Amino acid sequence: MADAPNPIQIQKFLGGIDYPASKEALISRAKEAGADSNVLDALQNIPDKEYDSPTAVSSAVSDA
């Protein structure tokens, strides 16, 4: 996915979220923070599980 957002872009929209966080919680937080469709699409494509840190989210996005 060539136009995948970089981890810094994604974390900018997840600021203040408490970990561990579910995929749905991550998507909700990003929407509340005004994330663009690139970031939301990236989060939609990660596995549906609990993420224990920003690094885990970034890894899942880069693997998706």
PDB file of N, CA and C in Angstrom:
ATOM      1  N   MET A   1       0.859  -1.179   0.000  1.00  0.00           N
ATOM      2  CA  MET A   1       0.000   0.000   0.000  1.00  0.00           C
ATOM      3  C   MET A   1       0.899   1.233   0.000  1.00  0.00           C
ATOM      4  N   ALA A   2       1.124   1.798  -1.146  1.00  0.00           N
ATOM      5  CA  ALA A   2       2.085   2.881  -1.311  1.00  0.00           C
ATOM      6  C   ALA A   2       1.680   4.163  -0.580  1.00  0.00           C
ATOM      7  N   ASP A   3       0.387   4.415  -0.476  1.00  0.00           N
ATOM      8  CA  ASP A   3      -0.050   5.655   0.162  1.00  0.00           C
ATOM      9  C   ASP A   3      -0.418   5.465   1.631  1.00  0.00           C
ATOM     10  N   ALA A   4       0.129   4.442   2.264  1.00  0.00           N
ATOM     11  CA  ALA A   4      -0.136   4.217   3.690  1.00  0.00           C
ATOM     12  C   ALA A   4       0.424   5.385   4.498  1.00  0.00           C
ATOM     13  N   PRO A   5      -0.328   5.833   5.482  1.00  0.00           N
ATOM     14  CA  PRO A   5       0.170   6.924   6.329  1.00  0.00           C
ATOM     15  C   PRO A   5       1.345   6.429   7.168  1.00  0.00           C
ATOM     16  N   ASN A   6       2.254   7.326   7.486  1.00  0.00           N
ATOM     17  CA  ASN A   6       3.376   6.894   8.313  1.00  0.00           C
ATOM     18  C   ASN A   6       2.945   6.833   9.783  1.00  0.00           C
ATOM     19  N   PRO A   7       3.709   6.119  10.614  1.00  0.00           N
ATOM     20  CA  PRO A   7       3.316   5.936  12.023  1.00  0.00           C
ATOM     21  C   PRO A   7       3.099   7.243  12.775  1.00  0.00           C
ATOM     22  N   ILE A   8       3.872   8.261  12.439  1.00  0.00           N
ATOM     23  CA  ILE A   8       3.713   9.548  13.135  1.00  0.00           C
ATOM     24  C   ILE A   8       2.353  10.160  12.814  1.00  0.00           C
ATOM     25  N   GLN A   9       1.929  10.087  11.546  1.00  0.00           N
ATOM     26  CA  GLN A   9       0.605  10.594  11.184  1.00  0.00           C
ATOM     27  C   GLN A   9      -0.483   9.864  11.970  1.00  0.00           C
ATOM     28  N   ILE A  10      -0.363   8.554  12.040  1.00  0.00           N
ATOM     29  CA  ILE A  10      -1.385   7.762  12.736  1.00  0.00           C
ATOM     30  C   ILE A  10      -1.407   8.110  14.219  1.00  0.00           C
ATOM     31  N   GLN A  11      -0.243   8.141  14.858  1.00  0.00           N
ATOM     32  CA  GLN A  11      -0.201   8.416  16.299  1.00  0.00           C
ATOM     33  C   GLN A  11      -0.710   9.814  16.632  1.00  0.00           C
ATOM     34  N   LYS A  12      -0.560  10.745  15.703  1.00  0.00           N
ATOM     35  CA  LYS A  12      -1.068  12.103  15.928  1.00  0.00           C
ATOM     36  C   LYS A  12      -2.569  12.069  16.206  1.00  0.00           C
ATOM     37  N   PHE A  13      -3.275  11.160  15.508  1.00  0.00           N
ATOM     38  CA  PHE A  13      -4.725  11.065  15.670  1.00  0.00           C
ATOM     39  C   PHE A  13      -5.143  10.141  16.803  1.00  0.00           C
ATOM     40  N   LEU A  14      -4.187   9.430  17.399  1.00  0.00           N
ATOM     41  CA  LEU A  14      -4.510   8.521  18.501  1.00  0.00           C
ATOM     42  C   LEU A  14      -4.068   9.080  19.843  1.00  0.00           C
ATOM     43  N   GLY A  15      -3.625  10.324  19.865  1.00  0.00           N
ATOM     44  CA  GLY A  15      -3.160  10.925  21.104  1.00  0.00           C
ATOM     45  C   GLY A  15      -4.230  10.871  22.187  1.00  0.00           C
ATOM     46  N   GLY A  16      -3.825  10.483  23.389  1.00  0.00           N
ATOM     47  CA  GLY A  16      -4.735  10.455  24.520  1.00  0.00           C
ATOM     48  C   GLY A  16      -5.483   9.151  24.691  1.00  0.00           C
ATOM     49  N   ILE A  17      -5.328   8.212  23.760  1.00  0.00           N
ATOM     50  CA  ILE A  17      -6.031   6.936  23.910  1.00  0.00           C
ATOM     51  C   ILE A  17      -5.321   6.102  24.968  1.00  0.00           C
ATOM     52  N   ASP A  18      -6.109   5.351  25.736  1.00  0.00           N
ATOM     53  CA  ASP A  18      -5.538   4.479  26.762  1.00  0.00           C
ATOM     54  C   ASP A  18      -5.311   3.090  26.181  1.00  0.00           C
ATOM     55  N   TYR A  19      -4.112   2.567  26.375  1.00  0.00           N
ATOM     56  CA  TYR A  19      -3.789   1.203  25.949  1.00  0.00           C
ATOM     57  C   TYR A  19      -3.907   0.268  27.141  1.00  0.00           C
ATOM     58  N   PRO A  20      -4.305  -0.988  26.951  1.00  0.00           N
ATOM     59  CA  PRO A  20      -4.619  -1.597  25.664  1.00  0.00           C
ATOM     60  C   PRO A  20      -5.901  -1.027  25.065  1.00  0.00           C
ATOM     61  N   ALA A  21      -5.957  -1.021  23.739  1.00  0.00           N
ATOM     62  CA  ALA A  21      -7.108  -0.474  23.027  1.00  0.00           C
ATOM     63  C   ALA A  21      -7.518  -1.428  21.909  1.00  0.00           C
ATOM     64  N   SER A  22      -8.820  -1.561  21.718  1.00  0.00           N
ATOM     65  CA  SER A  22      -9.320  -2.413  20.638  1.00  0.00           C
ATOM     66  C   SER A  22      -9.220  -1.678  19.306  1.00  0.00           C
ATOM     67  N   LYS A  23      -9.320  -2.435  18.242  1.00  0.00           N
ATOM     68  CA  LYS A  23      -9.331  -1.836  16.906  1.00  0.00           C
ATOM     69  C   LYS A  23     -10.443  -0.794  16.814  1.00  0.00           C
ATOM     70  N   GLU A  24     -11.640  -1.136  17.301  1.00  0.00           N
ATOM     71  CA  GLU A  24     -12.770  -0.193  17.238  1.00  0.00           C
ATOM     72  C   GLU A  24     -12.479   1.083  18.018  1.00  0.00           C
ATOM     73  N   ALA A  25     -11.840   0.953  19.179  1.00  0.00           N
ATOM     74  CA  ALA A  25     -11.496   2.139  19.972  1.00  0.00           C
ATOM     75  C   ALA A  25     -10.497   3.018  19.231  1.00  0.00           C
ATOM     76  N   LEU A  26      -9.543   2.386  18.563  1.00  0.00           N
ATOM     77  CA  LEU A  26      -8.556   3.152  17.788  1.00  0.00           C
ATOM     78  C   LEU A  26      -9.236   3.928  16.665  1.00  0.00           C
ATOM     79  N   ILE A  27     -10.136   3.261  15.954  1.00  0.00           N
ATOM     80  CA  ILE A  27     -10.845   3.916  14.844  1.00  0.00           C
ATOM     81  C   ILE A  27     -11.710   5.064  15.373  1.00  0.00           C
ATOM     82  N   SER A  28     -12.417   4.820  16.468  1.00  0.00           N
ATOM     83  CA  SER A  28     -13.262   5.870  17.056  1.00  0.00           C
ATOM     84  C   SER A  28     -12.437   7.085  17.459  1.00  0.00           C
ATOM     85  N   ARG A  29     -11.302   6.834  18.105  1.00  0.00           N
ATOM     86  CA  ARG A  29     -10.439   7.930  18.554  1.00  0.00           C
ATOM     87  C   ARG A  29      -9.908   8.720  17.357  1.00  0.00           C
ATOM     88  N   ALA A  30      -9.498   8.003  16.315  1.00  0.00           N
ATOM     89  CA  ALA A  30      -8.979   8.681  15.130  1.00  0.00           C
ATOM     90  C   ALA A  30     -10.060   9.542  14.484  1.00  0.00           C
ATOM     91  N   LYS A  31     -11.295   9.025  14.417  1.00  0.00           N
ATOM     92  CA  LYS A  31     -12.401   9.810  13.848  1.00  0.00           C
ATOM     93  C   LYS A  31     -12.650  11.066  14.672  1.00  0.00           C
ATOM     94  N   GLU A  32     -12.665  10.918  15.998  1.00  0.00           N
ATOM     95  CA  GLU A  32     -12.879  12.071  16.884  1.00  0.00           C
ATOM     96  C   GLU A  32     -11.802  13.130  16.683  1.00  0.00           C
ATOM     97  N   ALA A  33     -10.584  12.671  16.381  1.00  0.00           N
ATOM     98  CA  ALA A  33      -9.458  13.592  16.219  1.00  0.00           C
ATOM     99  C   ALA A  33      -9.383  14.175  14.810  1.00  0.00           C
ATOM    100  N   GLY A  34     -10.316  13.779  13.944  1.00  0.00           N
ATOM    101  CA  GLY A  34     -10.353  14.349  12.603  1.00  0.00           C
ATOM    102  C   GLY A  34      -9.401  13.695  11.614  1.00  0.00           C
ATOM    103  N   ALA A  35      -9.128  12.406  11.818  1.00  0.00           N
ATOM    104  CA  ALA A  35      -8.205  11.697  10.919  1.00  0.00           C
ATOM    105  C   ALA A  35      -8.750  11.681   9.492  1.00  0.00           C
ATOM    106  N   ASP A  36      -7.833  11.738   8.529  1.00  0.00           N
ATOM    107  CA  ASP A  36      -8.241  11.688   7.125  1.00  0.00           C
ATOM    108  C   ASP A  36      -8.512  10.239   6.697  1.00  0.00           C
ATOM    109  N   SER A  37      -9.011  10.065   5.491  1.00  0.00           N
ATOM    110  CA  SER A  37      -9.404   8.734   5.035  1.00  0.00           C
ATOM    111  C   SER A  37      -8.215   7.786   4.929  1.00  0.00           C
ATOM    112  N   ASN A  38      -7.027   8.301   4.639  1.00  0.00           N
ATOM    113  CA  ASN A  38      -5.833   7.448   4.589  1.00  0.00           C
ATOM    114  C   ASN A  38      -5.582   6.763   5.924  1.00  0.00           C
ATOM    115  N   VAL A  39      -5.650   7.543   6.997  1.00  0.00           N
ATOM    116  CA  VAL A  39      -5.418   7.006   8.341  1.00  0.00           C
ATOM    117  C   VAL A  39      -6.543   6.046   8.717  1.00  0.00           C
ATOM    118  N   LEU A  40      -7.786   6.435   8.467  1.00  0.00           N
ATOM    119  CA  LEU A  40      -8.913   5.569   8.814  1.00  0.00           C
ATOM    120  C   LEU A  40      -8.870   4.262   8.032  1.00  0.00           C
ATOM    121  N   ASP A  41      -8.544   4.326   6.751  1.00  0.00           N
ATOM    122  CA  ASP A  41      -8.432   3.104   5.945  1.00  0.00           C
ATOM    123  C   ASP A  41      -7.349   2.190   6.507  1.00  0.00           C
ATOM    124  N   ALA A  42      -6.222   2.774   6.891  1.00  0.00           N
ATOM    125  CA  ALA A  42      -5.123   1.977   7.447  1.00  0.00           C
ATOM    126  C   ALA A  42      -5.568   1.264   8.721  1.00  0.00           C
ATOM    127  N   LEU A  43      -6.296   1.982   9.589  1.00  0.00           N
ATOM    128  CA  LEU A  43      -6.771   1.370  10.834  1.00  0.00           C
ATOM    129  C   LEU A  43      -7.850   0.317  10.568  1.00  0.00           C
ATOM    130  N   GLN A  44      -8.659   0.538   9.543  1.00  0.00           N
ATOM    131  CA  GLN A  44      -9.689  -0.455   9.193  1.00  0.00           C
ATOM    132  C   GLN A  44      -9.051  -1.773   8.769  1.00  0.00           C
ATOM    133  N   ASN A  45      -7.852  -1.718   8.200  1.00  0.00           N
ATOM    134  CA  ASN A  45      -7.199  -2.903   7.651  1.00  0.00           C
ATOM    135  C   ASN A  45      -6.346  -3.692   8.643  1.00  0.00           C
ATOM    136  N   ILE A  46      -6.217  -3.217   9.880  1.00  0.00           N
ATOM    137  CA  ILE A  46      -5.428  -3.972  10.857  1.00  0.00           C
ATOM    138  C   ILE A  46      -6.280  -5.087  11.455  1.00  0.00           C
ATOM    139  N   PRO A  47      -5.639  -6.130  11.991  1.00  0.00           N
ATOM    140  CA  PRO A  47      -6.403  -7.224  12.611  1.00  0.00           C
ATOM    141  C   PRO A  47      -7.261  -6.733  13.778  1.00  0.00           C
ATOM    142  N   ASP A  48      -8.403  -7.377  13.960  1.00  0.00           N
ATOM    143  CA  ASP A  48      -9.344  -7.010  15.016  1.00  0.00           C
ATOM    144  C   ASP A  48      -8.906  -7.653  16.326  1.00  0.00           C
ATOM    145  N   LYS A  49      -8.129  -6.913  17.100  1.00  0.00           N
ATOM    146  CA  LYS A  49      -7.623  -7.420  18.379  1.00  0.00           C
ATOM    147  C   LYS A  49      -7.292  -6.239  19.277  1.00  0.00           C
ATOM    148  N   GLU A  50      -6.808  -6.544  20.487  1.00  0.00           N
ATOM    149  CA  GLU A  50      -6.371  -5.496  21.406  1.00  0.00           C
ATOM    150  C   GLU A  50      -4.920  -5.121  21.088  1.00  0.00           C
ATOM    151  N   TYR A  51      -4.635  -3.839  21.108  1.00  0.00           N
ATOM    152  CA  TYR A  51      -3.276  -3.342  20.887  1.00  0.00           C
ATOM    153  C   TYR A  51      -2.786  -2.752  22.193  1.00  0.00           C
ATOM    154  N   ASP A  52      -1.563  -3.153  22.591  1.00  0.00           N
ATOM    155  CA  ASP A  52      -1.080  -2.742  23.909  1.00  0.00           C
ATOM    156  C   ASP A  52      -0.189  -1.512  23.906  1.00  0.00           C
ATOM    157  N   SER A  53       0.117  -0.986  22.697  1.00  0.00           N
ATOM    158  CA  SER A  53       0.992   0.189  22.639  1.00  0.00           C
ATOM    159  C   SER A  53       0.909   0.841  21.266  1.00  0.00           C
ATOM    160  N   PRO A  54       1.364   2.088  21.162  1.00  0.00           N
ATOM    161  CA  PRO A  54       1.425   2.730  19.845  1.00  0.00           C
ATOM    162  C   PRO A  54       2.305   1.943  18.873  1.00  0.00           C
ATOM    163  N   THR A  55       3.365   1.329  19.376  1.00  0.00           N
ATOM    164  CA  THR A  55       4.256   0.550  18.512  1.00  0.00           C
ATOM    165  C   THR A  55       3.517  -0.635  17.903  1.00  0.00           C
ATOM    166  N   ALA A  56       2.658  -1.289  18.690  1.00  0.00           N
ATOM    167  CA  ALA A  56       1.885  -2.431  18.185  1.00  0.00           C
ATOM    168  C   ALA A  56       0.950  -1.992  17.064  1.00  0.00           C
ATOM    169  N   VAL A  57       0.349  -0.816  17.205  1.00  0.00           N
ATOM    170  CA  VAL A  57      -0.528  -0.279  16.163  1.00  0.00           C
ATOM    171  C   VAL A  57       0.285   0.012  14.910  1.00  0.00           C
ATOM    172  N   SER A  58       1.410   0.655  15.073  1.00  0.00           N
ATOM    173  CA  SER A  58       2.262   0.978  13.917  1.00  0.00           C
ATOM    174  C   SER A  58       2.716  -0.276  13.194  1.00  0.00           C
ATOM    175  N   SER A  59       3.097  -1.306  13.934  1.00  0.00           N
ATOM    176  CA  SER A  59       3.514  -2.569  13.332  1.00  0.00           C
ATOM    177  C   SER A  59       2.376  -3.203  12.542  1.00  0.00           C
ATOM    178  N   ALA A  60       1.169  -3.197  13.121  1.00  0.00           N
ATOM    179  CA  ALA A  60       0.014  -3.796  12.455  1.00  0.00           C
ATOM    180  C   ALA A  60      -0.308  -3.047  11.167  1.00  0.00           C
ATOM    181  N   VAL A  61      -0.203  -1.729  11.192  1.00  0.00           N
ATOM    182  CA  VAL A  61      -0.481  -0.938   9.981  1.00  0.00           C
ATOM    183  C   VAL A  61       0.549  -1.241   8.903  1.00  0.00           C
ATOM    184  N   SER A  62       1.800  -1.339   9.275  1.00  0.00           N
ATOM    185  CA  SER A  62       2.828  -1.597   8.258  1.00  0.00           C
ATOM    186  C   SER A  62       2.736  -3.023   7.717  1.00  0.00           C
ATOM    187  N   ASP A  63       2.214  -3.943   8.502  1.00  0.00           N
ATOM    188  CA  ASP A  63       2.042  -5.333   8.054  1.00  0.00           C
ATOM    189  C   ASP A  63       0.785  -5.541   7.237  1.00  0.00           C
ATOM    190  N   ALA A  64      -0.197  -4.653   7.380  1.00  0.00           N
ATOM    191  CA  ALA A  64      -1.499  -4.853   6.726  1.00  0.00           C
ATOM    192  C   ALA A  64      -1.417  -4.670   5.223  1.00  0.00           C
TER     193      ALA A  64
END
